[in-house]
Amino acid sequence: MAKLFNIFVTFMLISCLTFPISAIHVNAHESYVQEACSVTRYQDLCVKSLASYSNKARQSPRKWARAGVSVTLREVKLVARYLDRLKMRGNSHLKGRNRSSLLDCVECFQDALDNLHKSLRVLRRLSFHRFNEQMNNALTWLSAALTVEDTCLDGFEGSRGKLISRVHDKVQNVSYITSNALALANKLATTGLKDVGDYP
């Protein structure tokens, strides 16, 4: 009986000692993404979309900026495919002005994808001697991507219907994610590449 009791006590001690360590480990990762997302406008969405990068990006503005653009690119691709399917389907609920707005949105999202690809390429090849020029280009392309997404939304202003609402929600959500990516890139532009552990 005493032996079983000793085993139980030992087990409880090990549990008490290891749980706080793992909890601290998890909390540290959560604090990385929360700190990174503190500069964004849509912080909850930022934390949700970038939480998986916490262990790798940690306190590196460069890595967070790249993660932000990578996630944005993935989400914009999904919405672009959705819009393209609606276009190919020739949905009867989208006629006249709404049909024209959809076609404009398809073009807008192609432009957004091009700009995001260019921005990500730059963020992957940052160098100390061309940093300011590179960041100016990246920020310009991210801003352009956000602008065309907003242009897509403007086309449906005043329109009603379930399908219109669905399109609006998808585009608006991706515009929020793009806004967050732009904020993370702005943080990198301000911080530079001189932080400890933040070398290309």
N, C-alpha and C. Protein backbone atom coordinates (compact mmCIF):
# COMPACT_ATOMS: atom_id res chain seq x y z
N MET A 1 0.82 -1.20 0.00
CA MET A 1 0.00 0.00 0.00
C MET A 1 0.87 1.26 0.00
N ALA A 2 1.90 1.24 0.84
CA ALA A 2 2.80 2.38 0.93
C ALA A 2 3.52 2.62 -0.40
N LYS A 3 3.84 1.49 -1.06
CA LYS A 3 4.54 1.59 -2.35
C LYS A 3 3.65 2.28 -3.38
N LEU A 4 2.34 1.89 -3.40
CA LEU A 4 1.40 2.51 -4.33
C LEU A 4 1.24 4.00 -4.03
N PHE A 5 1.21 4.32 -2.72
CA PHE A 5 1.08 5.72 -2.32
C PHE A 5 2.28 6.53 -2.79
N ASN A 6 3.48 5.96 -2.64
CA ASN A 6 4.70 6.65 -3.07
C ASN A 6 4.70 6.89 -4.58
N ILE A 7 4.24 5.89 -5.34
CA ILE A 7 4.16 6.02 -6.79
C ILE A 7 3.20 7.16 -7.16
N PHE A 8 2.05 7.18 -6.44
CA PHE A 8 1.04 8.21 -6.70
C PHE A 8 1.61 9.61 -6.41
N VAL A 9 2.28 9.74 -5.29
CA VAL A 9 2.86 11.04 -4.90
C VAL A 9 3.91 11.47 -5.91
N THR A 10 4.74 10.53 -6.34
CA THR A 10 5.77 10.83 -7.33
C THR A 10 5.15 11.30 -8.64
N PHE A 11 4.09 10.61 -9.06
CA PHE A 11 3.39 10.97 -10.29
C PHE A 11 2.82 12.39 -10.19
N MET A 12 2.21 12.70 -9.04
CA MET A 12 1.61 14.02 -8.85
C MET A 12 2.68 15.11 -8.85
N LEU A 13 3.80 14.84 -8.25
CA LEU A 13 4.89 15.82 -8.22
C LEU A 13 5.42 16.11 -9.62
N ILE A 14 5.59 15.04 -10.40
CA ILE A 14 6.06 15.19 -11.78
C ILE A 14 5.05 16.00 -12.60
N SER A 15 3.76 15.71 -12.39
CA SER A 15 2.71 16.42 -13.11
C SER A 15 2.73 17.90 -12.77
N CYS A 16 2.87 18.19 -11.48
CA CYS A 16 2.87 19.59 -11.04
C CYS A 16 4.08 20.35 -11.56
N LEU A 17 5.19 19.64 -11.68
CA LEU A 17 6.41 20.29 -12.14
C LEU A 17 6.41 20.51 -13.65
N THR A 18 5.87 19.54 -14.39
CA THR A 18 5.92 19.64 -15.85
C THR A 18 4.80 20.48 -16.43
N PHE A 19 3.64 20.52 -15.81
CA PHE A 19 2.51 21.27 -16.37
C PHE A 19 2.82 22.76 -16.49
N PRO A 20 3.33 23.38 -15.43
CA PRO A 20 3.62 24.81 -15.57
C PRO A 20 4.63 25.11 -16.66
N ILE A 21 5.60 24.22 -16.84
CA ILE A 21 6.61 24.45 -17.88
C ILE A 21 5.96 24.43 -19.25
N SER A 22 5.11 23.44 -19.50
CA SER A 22 4.44 23.37 -20.80
C SER A 22 3.49 24.53 -20.98
N ALA A 23 2.83 24.93 -19.89
CA ALA A 23 1.90 26.06 -19.97
C ALA A 23 2.65 27.34 -20.31
N ILE A 24 3.81 27.51 -19.68
CA ILE A 24 4.63 28.69 -19.97
C ILE A 24 5.08 28.67 -21.42
N HIS A 25 5.43 27.47 -21.91
CA HIS A 25 5.87 27.31 -23.29
C HIS A 25 4.76 27.75 -24.26
N VAL A 26 3.53 27.29 -24.01
CA VAL A 26 2.39 27.65 -24.85
C VAL A 26 2.11 29.14 -24.75
N ASN A 27 2.12 29.67 -23.52
CA ASN A 27 1.84 31.09 -23.32
C ASN A 27 2.87 31.97 -24.00
N ALA A 28 4.12 31.50 -24.03
CA ALA A 28 5.18 32.27 -24.70
C ALA A 28 4.88 32.38 -26.19
N HIS A 29 4.44 31.26 -26.78
CA HIS A 29 4.10 31.27 -28.20
C HIS A 29 2.90 32.16 -28.47
N GLU A 30 1.91 32.13 -27.57
CA GLU A 30 0.74 32.99 -27.72
C GLU A 30 1.15 34.45 -27.61
N SER A 31 2.08 34.75 -26.73
CA SER A 31 2.49 36.15 -26.55
C SER A 31 3.23 36.67 -27.78
N TYR A 32 3.95 35.79 -28.49
CA TYR A 32 4.64 36.21 -29.71
C TYR A 32 3.65 36.72 -30.75
N VAL A 33 2.61 35.94 -31.01
CA VAL A 33 1.65 36.34 -32.05
C VAL A 33 0.83 37.54 -31.59
N GLN A 34 0.51 37.60 -30.31
CA GLN A 34 -0.25 38.74 -29.80
C GLN A 34 0.55 40.02 -29.87
N GLU A 35 1.84 39.91 -29.56
CA GLU A 35 2.71 41.08 -29.65
C GLU A 35 2.84 41.54 -31.10
N ALA A 36 3.03 40.59 -32.01
CA ALA A 36 3.16 40.92 -33.43
C ALA A 36 1.88 41.58 -33.95
N CYS A 37 0.74 41.03 -33.55
CA CYS A 37 -0.55 41.52 -34.05
C CYS A 37 -1.00 42.81 -33.38
N SER A 38 -0.30 43.26 -32.36
CA SER A 38 -0.70 44.47 -31.65
C SER A 38 -0.65 45.71 -32.55
N VAL A 39 0.09 45.64 -33.66
CA VAL A 39 0.20 46.79 -34.56
C VAL A 39 -0.89 46.77 -35.64
N THR A 40 -1.70 45.71 -35.67
CA THR A 40 -2.69 45.57 -36.73
C THR A 40 -4.04 46.14 -36.30
N ARG A 41 -4.88 46.40 -37.29
CA ARG A 41 -6.21 46.96 -37.02
C ARG A 41 -7.20 45.88 -36.58
N TYR A 42 -7.05 44.69 -37.14
CA TYR A 42 -7.97 43.59 -36.85
C TYR A 42 -7.20 42.51 -36.09
N GLN A 43 -6.99 42.76 -34.80
CA GLN A 43 -6.06 41.96 -34.02
C GLN A 43 -6.54 40.53 -33.80
N ASP A 44 -7.82 40.35 -33.53
CA ASP A 44 -8.33 38.99 -33.30
C ASP A 44 -8.16 38.13 -34.55
N LEU A 45 -8.47 38.71 -35.70
CA LEU A 45 -8.29 38.00 -36.97
C LEU A 45 -6.82 37.71 -37.22
N CYS A 46 -5.97 38.65 -36.87
CA CYS A 46 -4.52 38.48 -37.04
C CYS A 46 -4.02 37.32 -36.20
N VAL A 47 -4.40 37.29 -34.94
CA VAL A 47 -3.96 36.21 -34.04
C VAL A 47 -4.45 34.87 -34.55
N LYS A 48 -5.71 34.82 -34.97
CA LYS A 48 -6.30 33.57 -35.45
C LYS A 48 -5.59 33.07 -36.71
N SER A 49 -5.29 33.96 -37.64
CA SER A 49 -4.72 33.55 -38.92
C SER A 49 -3.22 33.28 -38.85
N LEU A 50 -2.54 33.85 -37.86
CA LEU A 50 -1.08 33.72 -37.80
C LEU A 50 -0.56 32.92 -36.61
N ALA A 51 -1.45 32.40 -35.80
CA ALA A 51 -1.02 31.68 -34.58
C ALA A 51 -0.05 30.54 -34.88
N SER A 52 -0.25 29.86 -36.00
CA SER A 52 0.60 28.71 -36.32
C SER A 52 2.05 29.10 -36.64
N TYR A 53 2.29 30.39 -36.87
CA TYR A 53 3.66 30.85 -37.18
C TYR A 53 4.43 31.27 -35.94
N SER A 54 3.77 31.25 -34.79
CA SER A 54 4.36 31.80 -33.58
C SER A 54 5.69 31.18 -33.21
N ASN A 55 5.79 29.86 -33.28
CA ASN A 55 7.01 29.17 -32.88
C ASN A 55 8.19 29.53 -33.77
N LYS A 56 7.91 29.75 -35.06
CA LYS A 56 8.97 30.06 -36.02
C LYS A 56 9.31 31.55 -36.06
N ALA A 57 8.29 32.38 -36.04
CA ALA A 57 8.52 33.82 -36.20
C ALA A 57 8.99 34.49 -34.91
N ARG A 58 8.47 34.04 -33.79
CA ARG A 58 8.83 34.57 -32.47
C ARG A 58 8.80 36.10 -32.44
N GLN A 59 9.96 36.74 -32.32
CA GLN A 59 10.00 38.21 -32.22
C GLN A 59 10.66 38.85 -33.44
N SER A 60 10.56 38.20 -34.57
CA SER A 60 11.19 38.69 -35.79
C SER A 60 10.17 39.42 -36.66
N PRO A 61 10.24 40.76 -36.75
CA PRO A 61 9.33 41.51 -37.62
C PRO A 61 9.39 41.05 -39.08
N ARG A 62 10.58 40.64 -39.52
CA ARG A 62 10.74 40.16 -40.90
C ARG A 62 9.91 38.90 -41.13
N LYS A 63 10.00 37.96 -40.20
CA LYS A 63 9.26 36.70 -40.36
C LYS A 63 7.75 36.91 -40.23
N TRP A 64 7.35 37.82 -39.35
CA TRP A 64 5.92 38.11 -39.22
C TRP A 64 5.38 38.78 -40.47
N ALA A 65 6.15 39.67 -41.06
CA ALA A 65 5.71 40.33 -42.30
C ALA A 65 5.54 39.30 -43.41
N ARG A 66 6.52 38.41 -43.53
CA ARG A 66 6.41 37.35 -44.55
C ARG A 66 5.23 36.44 -44.29
N ALA A 67 5.02 36.09 -43.02
CA ALA A 67 3.88 35.23 -42.67
C ALA A 67 2.57 35.93 -43.01
N GLY A 68 2.49 37.22 -42.71
CA GLY A 68 1.28 37.97 -42.99
C GLY A 68 0.95 37.99 -44.47
N VAL A 69 1.96 38.21 -45.30
CA VAL A 69 1.74 38.25 -46.75
C VAL A 69 1.44 36.85 -47.29
N SER A 70 2.10 35.84 -46.75
CA SER A 70 1.85 34.45 -47.19
C SER A 70 0.41 34.04 -46.91
N VAL A 71 -0.07 34.34 -45.72
CA VAL A 71 -1.45 34.02 -45.36
C VAL A 71 -2.42 34.80 -46.23
N THR A 72 -2.12 36.07 -46.46
CA THR A 72 -2.97 36.90 -47.31
C THR A 72 -3.05 36.34 -48.71
N LEU A 73 -1.92 35.95 -49.24
CA LEU A 73 -1.86 35.38 -50.59
C LEU A 73 -2.73 34.13 -50.68
N ARG A 74 -2.63 33.28 -49.69
CA ARG A 74 -3.43 32.05 -49.67
C ARG A 74 -4.93 32.38 -49.65
N GLU A 75 -5.33 33.33 -48.81
CA GLU A 75 -6.74 33.68 -48.68
C GLU A 75 -7.27 34.38 -49.93
N VAL A 76 -6.45 35.23 -50.51
CA VAL A 76 -6.86 35.93 -51.74
C VAL A 76 -7.04 34.93 -52.88
N LYS A 77 -6.18 33.93 -52.94
CA LYS A 77 -6.33 32.88 -53.96
C LYS A 77 -7.67 32.17 -53.83
N LEU A 78 -8.06 31.87 -52.60
CA LEU A 78 -9.34 31.18 -52.37
C LEU A 78 -10.52 32.03 -52.84
N VAL A 79 -10.49 33.31 -52.50
CA VAL A 79 -11.58 34.20 -52.90
C VAL A 79 -11.57 34.40 -54.42
N ALA A 80 -10.38 34.51 -55.01
CA ALA A 80 -10.27 34.67 -56.46
C ALA A 80 -10.88 33.47 -57.18
N ARG A 81 -10.64 32.26 -56.66
CA ARG A 81 -11.23 31.06 -57.26
C ARG A 81 -12.74 31.05 -57.11
N TYR A 82 -13.20 31.48 -55.96
CA TYR A 82 -14.64 31.56 -55.71
C TYR A 82 -15.30 32.52 -56.70
N LEU A 83 -14.71 33.70 -56.87
CA LEU A 83 -15.26 34.69 -57.81
C LEU A 83 -15.22 34.17 -59.24
N ASP A 84 -14.15 33.47 -59.57
CA ASP A 84 -14.01 32.93 -60.92
C ASP A 84 -15.07 31.87 -61.19
N ARG A 85 -15.37 31.05 -60.18
CA ARG A 85 -16.42 30.04 -60.34
C ARG A 85 -17.78 30.70 -60.57
N LEU A 86 -18.05 31.78 -59.83
CA LEU A 86 -19.31 32.51 -60.02
C LEU A 86 -19.38 33.07 -61.44
N LYS A 87 -18.27 33.58 -61.91
CA LYS A 87 -18.22 34.14 -63.26
C LYS A 87 -18.50 33.06 -64.30
N MET A 88 -17.86 31.90 -64.17
CA MET A 88 -18.02 30.82 -65.13
C MET A 88 -19.43 30.23 -65.07
N ARG A 89 -20.02 30.25 -63.89
CA ARG A 89 -21.35 29.68 -63.72
C ARG A 89 -22.42 30.55 -64.37
N GLY A 90 -22.15 31.84 -64.50
CA GLY A 90 -23.14 32.76 -65.05
C GLY A 90 -24.38 32.79 -64.19
N ASN A 91 -24.17 32.90 -62.88
CA ASN A 91 -25.26 32.78 -61.92
C ASN A 91 -26.40 33.74 -62.22
N SER A 92 -27.63 33.20 -62.22
CA SER A 92 -28.81 33.99 -62.58
C SER A 92 -29.12 35.09 -61.57
N HIS A 93 -28.55 34.97 -60.37
CA HIS A 93 -28.78 35.99 -59.35
C HIS A 93 -27.90 37.21 -59.55
N LEU A 94 -26.93 37.12 -60.43
CA LEU A 94 -26.03 38.25 -60.68
C LEU A 94 -26.24 38.74 -62.11
N LYS A 95 -27.11 39.71 -62.24
CA LYS A 95 -27.42 40.26 -63.55
C LYS A 95 -27.13 41.76 -63.57
N GLY A 96 -27.05 42.29 -64.77
CA GLY A 96 -26.89 43.73 -64.93
C GLY A 96 -25.69 44.28 -64.21
N ARG A 97 -25.92 45.26 -63.33
CA ARG A 97 -24.84 45.93 -62.61
C ARG A 97 -24.05 44.95 -61.74
N ASN A 98 -24.74 44.02 -61.07
CA ASN A 98 -24.05 43.06 -60.21
C ASN A 98 -23.15 42.12 -61.01
N ARG A 99 -23.61 41.73 -62.19
CA ARG A 99 -22.79 40.90 -63.07
C ARG A 99 -21.53 41.65 -63.49
N SER A 100 -21.70 42.91 -63.82
CA SER A 100 -20.57 43.75 -64.21
C SER A 100 -19.60 43.92 -63.04
N SER A 101 -20.17 44.10 -61.83
CA SER A 101 -19.34 44.24 -60.63
C SER A 101 -18.54 42.98 -60.37
N LEU A 102 -19.16 41.82 -60.61
CA LEU A 102 -18.46 40.54 -60.43
C LEU A 102 -17.27 40.44 -61.39
N LEU A 103 -17.49 40.80 -62.64
CA LEU A 103 -16.40 40.74 -63.62
C LEU A 103 -15.26 41.68 -63.22
N ASP A 104 -15.63 42.85 -62.70
CA ASP A 104 -14.61 43.79 -62.22
C ASP A 104 -13.84 43.19 -61.05
N CYS A 105 -14.56 42.50 -60.16
CA CYS A 105 -13.93 41.88 -58.99
C CYS A 105 -12.93 40.81 -59.40
N VAL A 106 -13.27 40.03 -60.40
CA VAL A 106 -12.36 39.00 -60.88
C VAL A 106 -11.05 39.63 -61.33
N GLU A 107 -11.14 40.74 -62.06
CA GLU A 107 -9.93 41.45 -62.50
C GLU A 107 -9.19 42.06 -61.33
N CYS A 108 -9.95 42.63 -60.39
CA CYS A 108 -9.33 43.23 -59.20
C CYS A 108 -8.51 42.20 -58.42
N PHE A 109 -9.05 41.00 -58.29
CA PHE A 109 -8.36 39.97 -57.52
C PHE A 109 -7.15 39.41 -58.25
N GLN A 110 -7.17 39.43 -59.56
CA GLN A 110 -5.97 39.06 -60.31
C GLN A 110 -4.87 40.08 -60.06
N ASP A 111 -5.26 41.35 -60.05
CA ASP A 111 -4.29 42.42 -59.74
C ASP A 111 -3.75 42.26 -58.32
N ALA A 112 -4.65 41.95 -57.38
CA ALA A 112 -4.24 41.76 -55.99
C ALA A 112 -3.23 40.62 -55.86
N LEU A 113 -3.50 39.52 -56.56
CA LEU A 113 -2.57 38.38 -56.53
C LEU A 113 -1.21 38.75 -57.08
N ASP A 114 -1.20 39.48 -58.18
CA ASP A 114 0.07 39.91 -58.78
C ASP A 114 0.86 40.77 -57.79
N ASN A 115 0.18 41.71 -57.16
CA ASN A 115 0.85 42.61 -56.21
C ASN A 115 1.35 41.87 -54.98
N LEU A 116 0.58 40.91 -54.50
CA LEU A 116 0.99 40.14 -53.33
C LEU A 116 2.19 39.24 -53.64
N HIS A 117 2.18 38.65 -54.84
CA HIS A 117 3.33 37.82 -55.25
C HIS A 117 4.60 38.66 -55.30
N LYS A 118 4.49 39.86 -55.87
CA LYS A 118 5.67 40.74 -55.97
C LYS A 118 6.15 41.15 -54.58
N SER A 119 5.22 41.45 -53.72
CA SER A 119 5.58 41.84 -52.36
C SER A 119 6.28 40.71 -51.62
N LEU A 120 5.75 39.50 -51.74
CA LEU A 120 6.35 38.36 -51.04
C LEU A 120 7.74 38.04 -51.57
N ARG A 121 7.92 38.18 -52.89
CA ARG A 121 9.25 37.94 -53.48
C ARG A 121 10.28 38.90 -52.88
N VAL A 122 9.89 40.14 -52.71
CA VAL A 122 10.80 41.13 -52.13
C VAL A 122 11.11 40.78 -50.68
N LEU A 123 10.08 40.43 -49.91
CA LEU A 123 10.28 40.12 -48.49
C LEU A 123 11.15 38.89 -48.28
N ARG A 124 11.22 38.04 -49.29
CA ARG A 124 12.08 36.85 -49.20
C ARG A 124 13.53 37.14 -49.56
N ARG A 125 13.79 38.31 -50.14
CA ARG A 125 15.15 38.63 -50.59
C ARG A 125 15.66 39.95 -50.01
N LEU A 126 15.26 40.26 -48.82
CA LEU A 126 15.68 41.52 -48.20
C LEU A 126 17.18 41.55 -47.97
N SER A 127 17.76 42.73 -48.18
CA SER A 127 19.19 42.92 -47.94
C SER A 127 19.39 44.24 -47.23
N PHE A 128 20.47 44.34 -46.49
CA PHE A 128 20.73 45.55 -45.71
C PHE A 128 20.92 46.78 -46.60
N HIS A 129 21.65 46.64 -47.68
CA HIS A 129 21.99 47.82 -48.48
C HIS A 129 20.84 48.29 -49.37
N ARG A 130 19.80 47.44 -49.59
CA ARG A 130 18.65 47.86 -50.41
C ARG A 130 17.35 47.82 -49.62
N PHE A 131 17.47 47.75 -48.31
CA PHE A 131 16.30 47.53 -47.46
C PHE A 131 15.20 48.58 -47.67
N ASN A 132 15.55 49.85 -47.61
CA ASN A 132 14.54 50.90 -47.73
C ASN A 132 13.82 50.86 -49.07
N GLU A 133 14.57 50.67 -50.13
CA GLU A 133 13.97 50.57 -51.47
C GLU A 133 13.05 49.36 -51.56
N GLN A 134 13.53 48.24 -51.04
CA GLN A 134 12.74 47.01 -51.09
C GLN A 134 11.44 47.15 -50.30
N MET A 135 11.52 47.74 -49.11
CA MET A 135 10.33 47.89 -48.28
C MET A 135 9.35 48.88 -48.90
N ASN A 136 9.85 49.93 -49.52
CA ASN A 136 8.97 50.88 -50.21
C ASN A 136 8.18 50.16 -51.30
N ASN A 137 8.86 49.29 -52.04
CA ASN A 137 8.20 48.52 -53.10
C ASN A 137 7.16 47.57 -52.51
N ALA A 138 7.55 46.85 -51.46
CA ALA A 138 6.64 45.89 -50.83
C ALA A 138 5.40 46.57 -50.29
N LEU A 139 5.59 47.71 -49.64
CA LEU A 139 4.46 48.44 -49.08
C LEU A 139 3.55 49.00 -50.17
N THR A 140 4.16 49.45 -51.25
CA THR A 140 3.37 49.96 -52.38
C THR A 140 2.49 48.87 -52.96
N TRP A 141 3.05 47.68 -53.15
CA TRP A 141 2.29 46.58 -53.72
C TRP A 141 1.21 46.07 -52.77
N LEU A 142 1.51 46.04 -51.48
CA LEU A 142 0.49 45.63 -50.51
C LEU A 142 -0.66 46.64 -50.47
N SER A 143 -0.32 47.92 -50.51
CA SER A 143 -1.34 48.97 -50.53
C SER A 143 -2.21 48.86 -51.78
N ALA A 144 -1.56 48.54 -52.91
CA ALA A 144 -2.29 48.39 -54.17
C ALA A 144 -3.25 47.21 -54.09
N ALA A 145 -2.81 46.11 -53.47
CA ALA A 145 -3.67 44.94 -53.31
C ALA A 145 -4.90 45.28 -52.47
N LEU A 146 -4.68 46.01 -51.39
CA LEU A 146 -5.79 46.42 -50.53
C LEU A 146 -6.75 47.35 -51.26
N THR A 147 -6.21 48.25 -52.07
CA THR A 147 -7.03 49.20 -52.82
C THR A 147 -7.96 48.50 -53.80
N VAL A 148 -7.43 47.51 -54.53
CA VAL A 148 -8.28 46.84 -55.52
C VAL A 148 -9.32 45.94 -54.84
N GLU A 149 -9.01 45.42 -53.67
CA GLU A 149 -10.01 44.66 -52.92
C GLU A 149 -11.15 45.57 -52.48
N ASP A 150 -10.80 46.77 -52.02
CA ASP A 150 -11.82 47.75 -51.64
C ASP A 150 -12.63 48.19 -52.86
N THR A 151 -11.97 48.28 -54.01
CA THR A 151 -12.67 48.63 -55.25
C THR A 151 -13.71 47.59 -55.60
N CYS A 152 -13.36 46.33 -55.38
CA CYS A 152 -14.30 45.23 -55.60
C CYS A 152 -15.52 45.41 -54.70
N LEU A 153 -15.31 45.72 -53.44
CA LEU A 153 -16.41 45.92 -52.50
C LEU A 153 -17.30 47.08 -52.93
N ASP A 154 -16.68 48.16 -53.38
CA ASP A 154 -17.44 49.35 -53.79
C ASP A 154 -18.42 49.04 -54.91
N GLY A 155 -18.05 48.09 -55.77
CA GLY A 155 -18.90 47.75 -56.91
C GLY A 155 -20.25 47.18 -56.51
N PHE A 156 -20.31 46.56 -55.32
CA PHE A 156 -21.55 45.94 -54.86
C PHE A 156 -22.31 46.81 -53.86
N GLU A 157 -21.83 48.02 -53.64
CA GLU A 157 -22.47 48.89 -52.67
C GLU A 157 -23.92 49.18 -53.07
N GLY A 158 -24.82 49.00 -52.12
CA GLY A 158 -26.24 49.23 -52.38
C GLY A 158 -26.98 48.02 -52.89
N SER A 159 -26.26 46.96 -53.26
CA SER A 159 -26.90 45.74 -53.77
C SER A 159 -27.35 44.85 -52.61
N ARG A 160 -28.37 44.04 -52.84
CA ARG A 160 -28.91 43.16 -51.82
C ARG A 160 -28.98 41.72 -52.33
N GLY A 161 -29.18 40.79 -51.40
CA GLY A 161 -29.32 39.39 -51.77
C GLY A 161 -28.32 38.52 -51.05
N LYS A 162 -28.66 37.23 -50.89
CA LYS A 162 -27.79 36.30 -50.16
C LYS A 162 -26.44 36.12 -50.85
N LEU A 163 -26.46 35.99 -52.15
CA LEU A 163 -25.20 35.77 -52.87
C LEU A 163 -24.31 37.01 -52.80
N ILE A 164 -24.93 38.18 -52.92
CA ILE A 164 -24.17 39.43 -52.81
C ILE A 164 -23.55 39.54 -51.42
N SER A 165 -24.33 39.19 -50.40
CA SER A 165 -23.82 39.24 -49.02
C SER A 165 -22.65 38.29 -48.82
N ARG A 166 -22.75 37.11 -49.44
CA ARG A 166 -21.67 36.12 -49.33
C ARG A 166 -20.39 36.63 -49.98
N VAL A 167 -20.55 37.19 -51.18
CA VAL A 167 -19.40 37.76 -51.88
C VAL A 167 -18.81 38.90 -51.06
N HIS A 168 -19.67 39.78 -50.55
CA HIS A 168 -19.22 40.92 -49.75
C HIS A 168 -18.44 40.46 -48.53
N ASP A 169 -18.96 39.46 -47.82
CA ASP A 169 -18.29 38.98 -46.60
C ASP A 169 -16.92 38.38 -46.89
N LYS A 170 -16.85 37.60 -47.97
CA LYS A 170 -15.57 36.98 -48.33
C LYS A 170 -14.53 38.03 -48.71
N VAL A 171 -14.94 38.99 -49.51
CA VAL A 171 -14.01 40.04 -49.95
C VAL A 171 -13.61 40.93 -48.78
N GLN A 172 -14.58 41.27 -47.94
CA GLN A 172 -14.27 42.12 -46.79
C GLN A 172 -13.30 41.43 -45.84
N ASN A 173 -13.52 40.15 -45.58
CA ASN A 173 -12.64 39.40 -44.69
C ASN A 173 -11.20 39.38 -45.22
N VAL A 174 -11.07 39.17 -46.52
CA VAL A 174 -9.72 39.12 -47.10
C VAL A 174 -9.08 40.51 -47.12
N SER A 175 -9.90 41.55 -47.20
CA SER A 175 -9.35 42.90 -47.15
C SER A 175 -8.84 43.21 -45.74
N TYR A 176 -9.49 42.66 -44.72
CA TYR A 176 -9.00 42.82 -43.34
C TYR A 176 -7.66 42.11 -43.16
N ILE A 177 -7.54 40.91 -43.73
CA ILE A 177 -6.29 40.16 -43.63
C ILE A 177 -5.17 40.90 -44.37
N THR A 178 -5.51 41.49 -45.52
CA THR A 178 -4.51 42.27 -46.28
C THR A 178 -4.08 43.49 -45.49
N SER A 179 -5.04 44.14 -44.84
CA SER A 179 -4.73 45.30 -43.99
C SER A 179 -3.76 44.92 -42.88
N ASN A 180 -3.99 43.76 -42.28
CA ASN A 180 -3.09 43.28 -41.22
C ASN A 180 -1.68 43.02 -41.77
N ALA A 181 -1.61 42.42 -42.96
CA ALA A 181 -0.30 42.15 -43.57
C ALA A 181 0.44 43.46 -43.84
N LEU A 182 -0.30 44.46 -44.28
CA LEU A 182 0.31 45.77 -44.54
C LEU A 182 0.85 46.38 -43.25
N ALA A 183 0.10 46.23 -42.17
CA ALA A 183 0.56 46.75 -40.87
C ALA A 183 1.83 46.04 -40.40
N LEU A 184 1.90 44.73 -40.60
CA LEU A 184 3.08 43.96 -40.21
C LEU A 184 4.29 44.36 -41.05
N ALA A 185 4.06 44.63 -42.33
CA ALA A 185 5.14 45.08 -43.20
C ALA A 185 5.59 46.48 -42.81
N ASN A 186 4.65 47.32 -42.43
CA ASN A 186 5.00 48.66 -41.94
C ASN A 186 5.86 48.59 -40.70
N LYS A 187 5.53 47.64 -39.82
CA LYS A 187 6.33 47.45 -38.60
C LYS A 187 7.76 47.06 -38.97
N LEU A 188 7.90 46.17 -39.93
CA LEU A 188 9.23 45.77 -40.38
C LEU A 188 9.98 46.96 -40.98
N ALA A 189 9.30 47.77 -41.77
CA ALA A 189 9.94 48.94 -42.38
C ALA A 189 10.46 49.90 -41.32
N THR A 190 9.71 50.01 -40.23
CA THR A 190 10.11 50.89 -39.13
C THR A 190 11.23 50.30 -38.30
N THR A 191 11.16 49.00 -38.07
CA THR A 191 12.13 48.31 -37.21
C THR A 191 13.47 48.07 -37.92
N GLY A 192 13.39 47.70 -39.19
CA GLY A 192 14.61 47.39 -39.93
C GLY A 192 15.07 45.96 -39.67
N LEU A 193 16.26 45.65 -40.17
CA LEU A 193 16.81 44.30 -40.05
C LEU A 193 17.90 44.20 -39.00
N LYS A 194 17.91 45.10 -38.04
CA LYS A 194 19.00 45.14 -37.08
C LYS A 194 18.67 44.49 -35.75
N ASP A 195 17.45 43.97 -35.62
CA ASP A 195 17.09 43.29 -34.39
C ASP A 195 17.88 41.99 -34.23
N VAL A 196 18.13 41.60 -32.99
CA VAL A 196 18.84 40.36 -32.72
C VAL A 196 18.04 39.19 -33.29
N GLY A 197 18.71 38.35 -34.03
CA GLY A 197 18.07 37.18 -34.58
C GLY A 197 17.20 37.47 -35.78
N ASP A 198 17.28 38.68 -36.35
CA ASP A 198 16.40 39.01 -37.46
C ASP A 198 17.21 39.30 -38.73
N TYR A 199 18.15 38.45 -39.02
CA TYR A 199 18.95 38.60 -40.22
C TYR A 199 18.34 37.78 -41.35
N PRO A 200 18.43 38.26 -42.57
CA PRO A 200 17.84 37.54 -43.71
C PRO A 200 18.39 36.12 -43.83
